[in-house]
Amino acid sequence: MGGTVVKNVNKVCQITFCSADLTQMIDAQAIILPKLTKFLPTVRVSSIDLEELSHLPLADPQYSIPSKIDVVIGSDITPQILTEGLLRNVSGTLLAQNTIFGWILSGPVAEKVSTFSTHVTECTDDPTNQLLRQFWEQEEVHQTQQRSADDEYCEALYRTTTIREEDGRYRVKLPFKSEFPANLALGYSRPAAQQQYISIERTLERKPELRDNYSEVLNEYLTMDHMEPASQQEIIRDGKYLSFYLPHHAVIKPDSKTTKVRVVFNASKMSHSGNSLNDVLHTGPILQNDLMLVILKWRLYKFVFNGDIEKMYRQILIHEEDKDFHRIVFRKHPTLPIQDFRLKTVTFGINCAPYLAIRTLHQLAHDCQDEYPLAKDILLNETYVDDILSGGHNIQSTLNSITQVIEALKSAGLPLRKMSANHPEILKPVPDPDLLAVDFLKFHDSSSTKILGI
């Protein structure tokens, strides 16, 4: 449109063009765009002899004044609006054509146009002024960002719909946008997900070890009851798709001590309607702690420990009615038929997953504060996604902290694994399977590991 590609055009309406006397009508379909053209004409026209036009009923009597264009008519409709009547050389250069709306003018006009521009630049040669500005900016107290209406909606939804099961695990609701599904719809998504899976399967056939690891990860979803079989039909009610298939692929982590292959789900893949699952979900407010502050605070302790919440996202359940939006296709071997499954937990790749996971940790912090008071501050302020970084100023206080945070997390089905510390006494109560390495600080005077990539 106008020489540019218009993206995300998904609205069409019926429109009827009427003649000035309402005797002629033309039905058409109009595509709705955010912007058509600039104001036309671009400048006020004053060089046309108005006397020559006085006898013509103009379609736009204000033709000489720049104004907004409401509708652009295509060449398929233009012949239908033209009627008998054509005048050439109006005011020397114009063509007047009669239409069902009245007479329209086209052609070149000569106008005297004068323009000027002013460019103001700030002198930045003064180093003292620049240094002083940087000083005040660095010392400025950070303003707390106000939550948007969407963020408030997500918070209210979490508070009113989240439940805690008898085994202590949390069950949360996906924050769908209010426009879904009436005005923001999903389309069918299974064919694209199946096509991508078959393509990945062919790639994995050339790498047997990676193929086995990939299948092992997805089979683990079944053995841990994080996934269940589903029907092969997409869910459609009243013409609306109420299911979504997540394409998935492998991400290899050669440096990982535990999971070398991770399966990543793509909730941004568009369905047939042009919308993806992430398009119909709120992302949720940002609850993530500042990475630098977490690390700096951790370094203030004399004795420190670190741990990783095992499969944190997958330990949080989702409501029954949301499971069909977490569907996948998978088979254990290429010779077997492709099966449909649906994931039962919060899934990495969904835009709201980080919010739901961290918000659940915060909820756990408040729920367990009476029984595990030390764990509350750790879960709220000394956690970065699924990494716990805490400590104490003496051995006993550190042991108290590590014990309480382990028990608090365990009460919600969130096991703390890959634990390390800077003193062997701190790791004594931790079972060997939960340690980052069995010989960490046991057979050597010092041990090293990465913490949040550092």
Protein backbone atom coordinates (compact mmCIF):
# COMPACT_ATOMS: atom_id res chain seq x y z
CA MET A 1 0.00 0.00 0.00
CA GLY A 2 1.70 3.20 -1.16
CA GLY A 3 4.85 1.24 -1.99
CA THR A 4 5.19 -0.36 1.44
CA VAL A 5 4.27 -3.81 2.76
CA VAL A 6 1.47 -3.62 5.31
CA LYS A 7 1.79 -6.31 8.00
CA ASN A 8 -0.81 -7.85 10.29
CA VAL A 9 -3.81 -6.92 8.16
CA ASN A 10 -6.59 -9.13 9.52
CA LYS A 11 -9.77 -7.04 9.40
CA VAL A 12 -12.28 -6.78 6.53
CA CYS A 13 -15.71 -5.18 6.43
CA GLN A 14 -18.59 -4.81 3.98
CA ILE A 15 -19.06 -1.30 2.56
CA THR A 16 -21.66 0.27 0.23
CA PHE A 17 -20.88 3.25 -2.01
CA CYS A 18 -23.89 5.48 -2.67
CA SER A 19 -24.46 8.17 -5.28
CA ALA A 20 -25.25 11.68 -4.11
CA ASP A 21 -28.97 11.17 -4.78
CA LEU A 22 -28.93 7.61 -3.31
CA THR A 23 -30.18 6.11 -6.58
CA GLN A 24 -27.04 4.08 -7.24
CA MET A 25 -25.30 1.72 -4.82
CA ILE A 26 -22.18 -0.40 -5.15
CA ASP A 27 -21.43 -3.17 -2.61
CA ALA A 28 -17.79 -3.99 -1.94
CA GLN A 29 -15.39 -5.45 0.60
CA ALA A 30 -12.93 -3.11 2.30
CA ILE A 31 -9.64 -4.07 3.92
CA ILE A 32 -9.02 -2.06 7.10
CA LEU A 33 -5.52 -0.60 7.38
CA PRO A 34 -3.97 1.45 10.19
CA LYS A 35 -2.99 4.18 7.70
CA LEU A 36 -3.86 4.90 4.06
CA THR A 37 -2.01 7.97 2.75
CA LYS A 38 -0.77 11.32 3.91
CA PHE A 39 -3.03 14.36 3.68
CA LEU A 40 -4.03 15.18 0.08
CA PRO A 41 -3.40 17.52 -1.56
CA THR A 42 -0.07 18.04 0.19
CA VAL A 43 -0.42 21.86 0.08
CA ARG A 44 -3.37 24.22 -0.25
CA VAL A 45 -4.24 24.81 -3.93
CA SER A 46 -5.07 28.41 -4.92
CA SER A 47 -4.14 28.55 -8.62
CA ILE A 48 -7.37 27.02 -10.00
CA ASP A 49 -9.88 29.34 -11.66
CA LEU A 50 -13.00 28.82 -9.56
CA GLU A 51 -15.24 30.41 -12.23
CA GLU A 52 -14.64 27.46 -14.55
CA LEU A 53 -15.86 25.09 -11.86
CA SER A 54 -18.85 27.05 -10.59
CA HIS A 55 -21.32 25.12 -12.76
CA LEU A 56 -19.99 21.67 -11.72
CA PRO A 57 -21.40 19.84 -8.66
CA LEU A 58 -18.09 18.69 -7.22
CA ALA A 59 -17.80 15.43 -5.31
CA ASP A 60 -15.49 17.24 -2.87
CA PRO A 61 -16.16 20.97 -2.65
CA GLN A 62 -13.14 21.26 -0.31
CA TYR A 63 -10.82 19.68 -2.92
CA SER A 64 -8.20 22.44 -2.58
CA ILE A 65 -7.68 22.00 1.21
CA PRO A 66 -5.34 19.23 2.48
CA SER A 67 -7.34 16.64 4.41
CA LYS A 68 -7.42 12.99 5.45
CA ILE A 69 -8.24 10.26 2.92
CA ASP A 70 -10.86 7.86 4.26
CA VAL A 71 -11.15 5.28 1.47
CA VAL A 72 -8.89 4.27 -1.41
CA ILE A 73 -10.87 2.78 -4.29
CA GLY A 74 -9.24 0.05 -6.38
CA SER A 75 -9.30 -0.32 -10.15
CA ASP A 76 -12.02 -2.98 -9.86
CA ILE A 77 -14.51 -0.41 -8.52
CA THR A 78 -13.37 2.71 -10.40
CA PRO A 79 -15.21 1.86 -13.68
CA GLN A 80 -18.44 1.39 -11.72
CA ILE A 81 -18.41 4.90 -10.25
CA LEU A 82 -17.64 6.73 -13.55
CA THR A 83 -20.58 8.25 -15.46
CA GLU A 84 -20.98 10.28 -18.66
CA GLY A 85 -19.26 13.66 -18.58
CA LEU A 86 -15.64 14.63 -19.27
CA LEU A 87 -14.05 18.08 -19.47
CA ARG A 88 -10.45 18.60 -20.53
CA ASN A 89 -8.05 21.50 -19.92
CA VAL A 90 -9.91 22.84 -16.91
CA SER A 91 -7.78 25.76 -15.63
CA GLY A 92 -5.34 24.77 -18.37
CA THR A 93 -4.03 21.50 -16.88
CA LEU A 94 -6.86 19.64 -15.15
CA LEU A 95 -9.27 16.90 -16.20
CA ALA A 96 -12.82 16.94 -14.79
CA GLN A 97 -14.64 13.58 -14.74
CA ASN A 98 -18.23 12.99 -13.69
CA THR A 99 -18.91 10.17 -11.16
CA ILE A 100 -21.85 8.93 -9.09
CA PHE A 101 -20.46 11.12 -6.27
CA GLY A 102 -20.16 14.26 -8.43
CA TRP A 103 -17.34 15.72 -10.50
CA ILE A 104 -13.74 14.90 -9.57
CA LEU A 105 -10.58 16.75 -10.62
CA SER A 106 -7.19 15.29 -11.50
CA GLY A 107 -4.01 16.56 -13.02
CA PRO A 108 -1.02 18.79 -12.18
CA VAL A 109 -1.18 22.28 -10.66
CA ALA A 110 1.62 24.78 -10.10
CA GLU A 111 1.89 26.26 -6.63
CA LYS A 112 4.60 28.46 -5.16
CA VAL A 113 5.84 26.61 -2.10
CA SER A 114 8.44 27.98 0.31
CA THR A 115 9.88 25.92 3.13
CA PHE A 116 12.58 26.36 5.73
CA SER A 117 13.95 24.20 8.52
CA THR A 118 15.77 24.89 11.76
CA HIS A 119 18.22 22.47 13.30
CA VAL A 120 19.20 22.98 16.92
CA THR A 121 22.08 21.05 18.47
CA GLU A 122 23.22 21.01 22.06
CA CYS A 123 26.85 21.77 22.73
CA THR A 124 28.38 18.80 24.49
CA ASP A 125 31.97 19.94 24.56
CA ASP A 126 31.86 20.74 28.27
CA PRO A 127 33.24 17.60 30.01
CA THR A 128 32.36 18.97 33.44
CA ASN A 129 28.68 19.25 32.53
CA GLN A 130 28.68 15.74 31.09
CA LEU A 131 30.37 14.24 34.15
CA LEU A 132 27.98 16.04 36.48
CA ARG A 133 24.97 14.73 34.55
CA GLN A 134 26.30 11.16 34.71
CA PHE A 135 26.83 11.54 38.45
CA TRP A 136 23.24 12.59 39.10
CA GLU A 137 21.86 9.89 36.78
CA GLN A 138 23.83 7.19 38.57
CA GLU A 139 22.73 8.46 41.98
CA GLU A 140 19.08 8.74 40.94
CA VAL A 141 16.79 6.46 42.94
CA HIS A 142 15.18 3.91 40.63
CA GLN A 143 11.47 4.58 40.16
CA THR A 144 9.21 1.59 40.62
CA GLN A 145 7.45 0.90 37.36
CA GLN A 146 3.69 1.13 37.59
CA ARG A 147 1.78 -1.99 36.64
CA SER A 148 -0.37 -1.86 33.55
CA ALA A 149 -4.01 -2.88 33.43
CA ASP A 150 -2.95 -6.17 31.79
CA ASP A 151 -0.49 -6.84 34.62
CA GLU A 152 -3.19 -6.17 37.20
CA TYR A 153 -5.49 -8.57 35.36
CA CYS A 154 -2.82 -11.31 35.44
CA GLU A 155 -2.25 -10.78 39.16
CA ALA A 156 -5.98 -10.88 39.94
CA LEU A 157 -6.39 -14.03 37.84
CA TYR A 158 -3.51 -15.73 39.64
CA ARG A 159 -4.88 -14.88 43.09
CA THR A 160 -8.41 -16.06 42.33
CA THR A 161 -7.70 -19.21 40.30
CA THR A 162 -4.48 -20.70 41.71
CA ILE A 163 -5.03 -23.68 43.97
CA ARG A 164 -2.70 -25.87 45.98
CA GLU A 165 -3.17 -29.60 45.64
CA GLU A 166 -3.13 -32.04 48.55
CA ASP A 167 0.48 -32.97 47.76
CA GLY A 168 1.49 -29.30 48.02
CA ARG A 169 1.96 -28.62 44.30
CA TYR A 170 0.42 -25.51 42.76
CA ARG A 171 -2.07 -25.48 39.88
CA VAL A 172 -2.27 -22.25 37.85
CA LYS A 173 -4.41 -20.78 35.07
CA LEU A 174 -3.10 -19.47 31.75
CA PRO A 175 -3.77 -15.69 31.44
CA PHE A 176 -5.71 -15.53 28.17
CA LYS A 177 -6.48 -12.09 26.74
CA SER A 178 -10.08 -10.91 27.08
CA GLU A 179 -10.44 -10.76 23.28
CA PHE A 180 -9.87 -14.51 23.00
CA PRO A 181 -11.57 -16.31 21.39
CA ALA A 182 -14.29 -13.93 20.19
CA ASN A 183 -12.13 -11.30 18.47
CA LEU A 184 -8.66 -12.86 18.71
CA ALA A 185 -8.91 -16.40 17.43
CA LEU A 186 -6.62 -19.36 16.93
CA GLY A 187 -6.75 -21.56 13.83
CA TYR A 188 -5.78 -25.14 13.18
CA SER A 189 -2.18 -25.88 14.18
CA ARG A 190 -1.71 -29.65 14.13
CA PRO A 191 -0.54 -30.02 10.47
CA ALA A 192 2.31 -27.53 10.93
CA ALA A 193 3.40 -29.14 14.22
CA GLN A 194 3.37 -32.61 12.65
CA GLN A 195 5.29 -31.44 9.60
CA GLN A 196 8.01 -29.88 11.76
CA TYR A 197 8.22 -33.00 13.94
CA ILE A 198 8.71 -35.25 10.90
CA SER A 199 11.40 -32.89 9.62
CA ILE A 200 13.24 -32.95 12.96
CA GLU A 201 12.83 -36.72 13.10
CA ARG A 202 14.62 -37.08 9.75
CA THR A 203 17.44 -34.88 11.01
CA LEU A 204 17.76 -36.90 14.21
CA GLU A 205 17.95 -40.15 12.23
CA ARG A 206 21.45 -39.10 11.16
CA LYS A 207 22.44 -38.64 14.81
CA PRO A 208 21.34 -41.80 16.69
CA GLU A 209 22.66 -40.66 20.08
CA LEU A 210 20.88 -37.31 19.86
CA ARG A 211 17.71 -39.06 18.66
CA ASP A 212 17.76 -41.40 21.66
CA ASN A 213 18.34 -38.51 24.07
CA TYR A 214 15.50 -36.55 22.48
CA SER A 215 13.09 -39.46 22.81
CA GLU A 216 14.29 -40.09 26.35
CA VAL A 217 13.47 -36.51 27.38
CA LEU A 218 9.94 -36.72 25.96
CA ASN A 219 9.41 -40.18 27.44
CA GLU A 220 10.39 -38.68 30.79
CA TYR A 221 7.38 -36.38 30.47
CA LEU A 222 5.21 -39.50 30.44
CA THR A 223 6.97 -41.33 33.27
CA MET A 224 6.85 -38.22 35.48
CA ASP A 225 3.16 -37.70 34.61
CA HIS A 226 3.90 -34.31 33.05
CA MET A 227 2.20 -35.37 29.82
CA GLU A 228 -0.80 -37.50 28.87
CA PRO A 229 -2.29 -38.96 25.66
CA ALA A 230 -4.82 -36.82 23.75
CA SER A 231 -7.18 -37.27 20.82
CA GLN A 232 -6.02 -36.50 17.28
CA GLN A 233 -8.84 -34.02 16.69
CA GLU A 234 -8.39 -30.36 17.45
CA ILE A 235 -10.93 -28.88 19.87
CA ILE A 236 -13.49 -26.67 18.08
CA ARG A 237 -16.55 -25.12 19.72
CA ASP A 238 -18.88 -22.64 17.99
CA GLY A 239 -16.37 -22.37 15.16
CA LYS A 240 -13.54 -21.36 17.56
CA TYR A 241 -10.34 -23.37 18.01
CA LEU A 242 -9.78 -24.12 21.68
CA SER A 243 -6.59 -26.12 21.30
CA PHE A 244 -3.06 -25.49 20.08
CA TYR A 245 -0.22 -27.77 18.98
CA LEU A 246 3.28 -26.73 20.07
CA PRO A 247 6.08 -27.51 17.59
CA HIS A 248 9.22 -28.63 19.41
CA HIS A 249 12.93 -29.04 18.71
CA ALA A 250 16.15 -29.99 20.51
CA VAL A 251 18.64 -27.64 22.14
CA ILE A 252 22.01 -29.20 22.95
CA LYS A 253 23.90 -28.12 26.09
CA PRO A 254 27.29 -29.87 25.95
CA ASP A 255 28.56 -28.12 29.11
CA SER A 256 25.64 -29.25 31.26
CA LYS A 257 26.46 -31.76 34.00
CA THR A 258 22.93 -33.19 33.92
CA THR A 259 20.64 -32.55 30.93
CA LYS A 260 22.65 -32.52 27.69
CA VAL A 261 19.55 -32.23 25.49
CA ARG A 262 16.59 -30.01 26.21
CA VAL A 263 13.31 -30.00 24.31
CA VAL A 264 12.08 -26.48 23.56
CA PHE A 265 8.47 -25.78 22.62
CA ASN A 266 7.54 -22.98 20.22
CA ALA A 267 4.35 -21.20 21.28
CA SER A 268 5.07 -18.34 18.84
CA LYS A 269 4.40 -20.50 15.80
CA MET A 270 1.39 -19.02 13.97
CA SER A 271 -1.75 -21.10 13.59
CA HIS A 272 -3.86 -20.92 10.42
CA SER A 273 -5.64 -17.79 11.72
CA GLY A 274 -2.36 -15.86 11.78
CA ASN A 275 -2.24 -15.89 15.59
CA SER A 276 -0.02 -18.02 17.80
CA LEU A 277 -0.68 -19.19 21.35
CA ASN A 278 1.60 -16.43 22.64
CA ASP A 279 -0.50 -13.87 20.73
CA VAL A 280 -3.62 -14.75 22.75
CA LEU A 281 -1.86 -14.87 26.14
CA HIS A 282 -0.73 -12.07 28.41
CA THR A 283 2.99 -12.19 29.19
CA GLY A 284 2.38 -11.12 32.78
CA PRO A 285 4.31 -8.59 34.89
CA ILE A 286 8.09 -8.88 35.21
CA LEU A 287 8.88 -10.37 38.61
CA GLN A 288 12.48 -11.31 37.90
CA ASN A 289 15.09 -10.06 40.37
CA ASP A 290 17.92 -7.97 39.00
CA LEU A 291 20.78 -10.33 38.12
CA MET A 292 23.55 -8.01 39.27
CA LEU A 293 21.88 -7.29 42.60
CA VAL A 294 21.36 -11.01 43.26
CA ILE A 295 25.04 -11.74 42.66
CA LEU A 296 26.30 -8.73 44.64
CA LYS A 297 24.07 -9.56 47.60
CA TRP A 298 25.27 -13.17 47.49
CA ARG A 299 28.91 -12.05 47.65
CA LEU A 300 28.27 -10.16 50.92
CA TYR A 301 27.88 -13.46 52.80
CA LYS A 302 30.92 -15.13 54.31
CA PHE A 303 29.43 -18.59 53.79
CA VAL A 304 27.36 -19.22 50.66
CA PHE A 305 25.39 -21.98 48.97
CA ASN A 306 23.79 -22.37 45.58
CA GLY A 307 21.18 -24.74 44.19
CA ASP A 308 18.98 -25.28 41.18
CA ILE A 309 15.25 -26.03 41.40
CA GLU A 310 14.89 -29.18 39.33
CA LYS A 311 12.49 -28.80 36.39
CA MET A 312 10.86 -25.82 38.08
CA TYR A 313 8.36 -25.03 35.31
CA ARG A 314 7.31 -28.65 34.98
CA GLN A 315 6.60 -28.98 38.70
CA ILE A 316 3.75 -26.44 38.42
CA LEU A 317 0.46 -27.85 37.15
CA ILE A 318 -2.02 -26.08 34.87
CA HIS A 319 -5.81 -26.24 35.05
CA GLU A 320 -7.61 -28.99 33.17
CA GLU A 321 -9.26 -26.63 30.65
CA ASP A 322 -5.84 -25.22 29.61
CA LYS A 323 -4.12 -28.52 28.83
CA ASP A 324 -5.44 -28.66 25.25
CA PHE A 325 -3.47 -25.50 24.46
CA HIS A 326 -0.29 -27.46 25.29
CA ARG A 327 -0.62 -30.27 22.76
CA ILE A 328 2.30 -31.93 20.96
CA VAL A 329 2.85 -34.79 18.50
CA PHE A 330 5.47 -37.46 19.21
CA ARG A 331 6.32 -41.12 18.64
CA LYS A 332 8.91 -43.28 20.34
CA HIS A 333 10.20 -44.72 17.07
CA PRO A 334 9.87 -43.69 13.38
CA THR A 335 8.16 -47.00 12.57
CA LEU A 336 5.32 -46.31 15.01
CA PRO A 337 2.30 -44.08 14.27
CA ILE A 338 2.47 -40.47 15.42
CA GLN A 339 0.58 -39.91 18.67
CA ASP A 340 -0.99 -36.82 20.19
CA PHE A 341 -0.25 -35.74 23.76
CA ARG A 342 -1.00 -32.77 25.95
CA LEU A 343 1.36 -31.29 28.52
CA LYS A 344 -0.02 -30.98 32.05
CA THR A 345 2.41 -28.41 33.48
CA VAL A 346 3.78 -24.92 32.86
CA THR A 347 5.86 -25.20 29.69
CA PHE A 348 9.06 -23.44 28.71
CA GLY A 349 8.41 -21.48 25.51
CA ILE A 350 5.03 -20.06 26.55
CA ASN A 351 5.38 -16.30 27.03
CA CYS A 352 3.67 -16.32 30.45
CA ALA A 353 5.70 -19.28 31.80
CA PRO A 354 8.38 -17.15 33.55
CA TYR A 355 5.69 -15.06 35.26
CA LEU A 356 3.70 -18.11 36.40
CA ALA A 357 6.81 -19.87 37.72
CA ILE A 358 8.27 -16.91 39.63
CA ARG A 359 4.83 -15.86 40.89
CA THR A 360 4.40 -19.39 42.26
CA LEU A 361 7.73 -19.14 44.11
CA HIS A 362 6.53 -15.86 45.63
CA GLN A 363 3.26 -17.49 46.61
CA LEU A 364 5.16 -20.33 48.25
CA ALA A 365 7.29 -17.79 50.14
CA HIS A 366 4.16 -16.27 51.71
CA ASP A 367 2.46 -19.62 52.31
CA CYS A 368 5.45 -21.09 54.18
CA GLN A 369 6.62 -18.04 56.12
CA ASP A 370 5.24 -19.30 59.45
CA GLU A 371 6.93 -22.70 59.23
CA TYR A 372 10.06 -21.63 57.31
CA PRO A 373 10.63 -17.90 58.01
CA LEU A 374 14.19 -17.89 56.63
CA ALA A 375 13.00 -19.34 53.32
CA LYS A 376 10.65 -16.42 52.62
CA ASP A 377 13.35 -13.80 52.00
CA ILE A 378 15.45 -16.28 50.04
CA LEU A 379 12.59 -17.17 47.67
CA LEU A 380 11.60 -13.53 47.22
CA ASN A 381 14.97 -11.80 46.96
CA GLU A 382 17.79 -14.33 46.58
CA THR A 383 16.50 -16.30 43.62
CA TYR A 384 17.13 -15.84 39.91
CA VAL A 385 14.60 -17.90 37.91
CA ASP A 386 15.34 -21.41 39.23
CA ASP A 387 18.70 -20.67 40.90
CA ILE A 388 18.92 -20.11 44.65
CA LEU A 389 21.87 -17.97 45.81
CA SER A 390 21.95 -17.45 49.57
CA GLY A 391 24.19 -17.83 52.60
CA GLY A 392 24.99 -16.55 56.05
CA HIS A 393 27.71 -14.95 58.15
CA ASN A 394 28.40 -18.09 60.18
CA ILE A 395 28.08 -21.83 59.60
CA GLN A 396 25.00 -22.33 61.77
CA SER A 397 22.92 -19.55 60.21
CA THR A 398 23.86 -20.83 56.76
CA LEU A 399 22.83 -24.37 57.71
CA ASN A 400 19.51 -23.05 59.03
CA SER A 401 18.89 -21.20 55.74
CA ILE A 402 19.77 -24.11 53.47
CA THR A 403 17.63 -26.52 55.51
CA GLN A 404 14.58 -24.26 55.52
CA VAL A 405 14.70 -23.42 51.83
CA ILE A 406 15.11 -27.11 50.90
CA GLU A 407 12.11 -28.10 53.03
CA ALA A 408 9.96 -25.19 51.82
CA LEU A 409 10.60 -26.04 48.18
CA LYS A 410 10.08 -29.76 48.81
CA SER A 411 6.64 -29.01 50.31
CA ALA A 412 5.55 -27.67 46.90
CA GLY A 413 7.12 -30.50 44.88
CA LEU A 414 10.10 -28.33 43.90
CA PRO A 415 13.28 -30.32 44.67
CA LEU A 416 16.52 -28.38 45.05
CA ARG A 417 19.36 -30.07 43.16
CA LYS A 418 22.94 -29.45 41.95
CA MET A 419 23.84 -27.83 45.25
CA SER A 420 27.26 -26.38 46.02
CA ALA A 421 28.76 -24.26 48.81
CA ASN A 422 32.04 -22.67 49.84
CA HIS A 423 32.42 -24.77 53.00
CA PRO A 424 32.09 -28.57 53.34
CA GLU A 425 30.10 -28.29 56.60
CA ILE A 426 27.24 -26.64 54.70
CA LEU A 427 26.93 -29.59 52.32
CA LYS A 428 26.98 -32.33 54.98
CA PRO A 429 23.16 -32.49 55.41
CA VAL A 430 22.64 -32.61 51.62
CA PRO A 431 22.24 -36.14 50.11
CA ASP A 432 24.79 -37.04 47.43
CA PRO A 433 22.22 -37.14 44.56
CA ASP A 434 21.36 -33.50 45.29
CA LEU A 435 24.97 -32.28 45.09
CA LEU A 436 26.47 -30.65 42.03
CA ALA A 437 29.38 -33.05 42.38
CA VAL A 438 29.95 -35.74 45.03
CA ASP A 439 33.59 -34.73 45.53
CA PHE A 440 32.84 -30.99 45.74
CA LEU A 441 35.16 -29.65 48.51
CA LYS A 442 35.56 -33.19 49.86
CA PHE A 443 38.76 -34.47 48.30
CA HIS A 444 40.26 -31.12 47.33
CA ASP A 445 41.06 -27.92 49.18
CA SER A 446 39.14 -25.95 46.57
CA SER A 447 36.51 -26.59 43.91
CA SER A 448 35.12 -24.33 41.20
CA THR A 449 31.83 -24.14 39.33
CA LYS A 450 29.84 -21.64 37.31
CA ILE A 451 27.11 -19.65 39.04
CA LEU A 452 24.65 -18.05 36.60
CA GLY A 453 27.27 -18.34 33.88
CA ILE A 454 30.05 -16.68 35.93
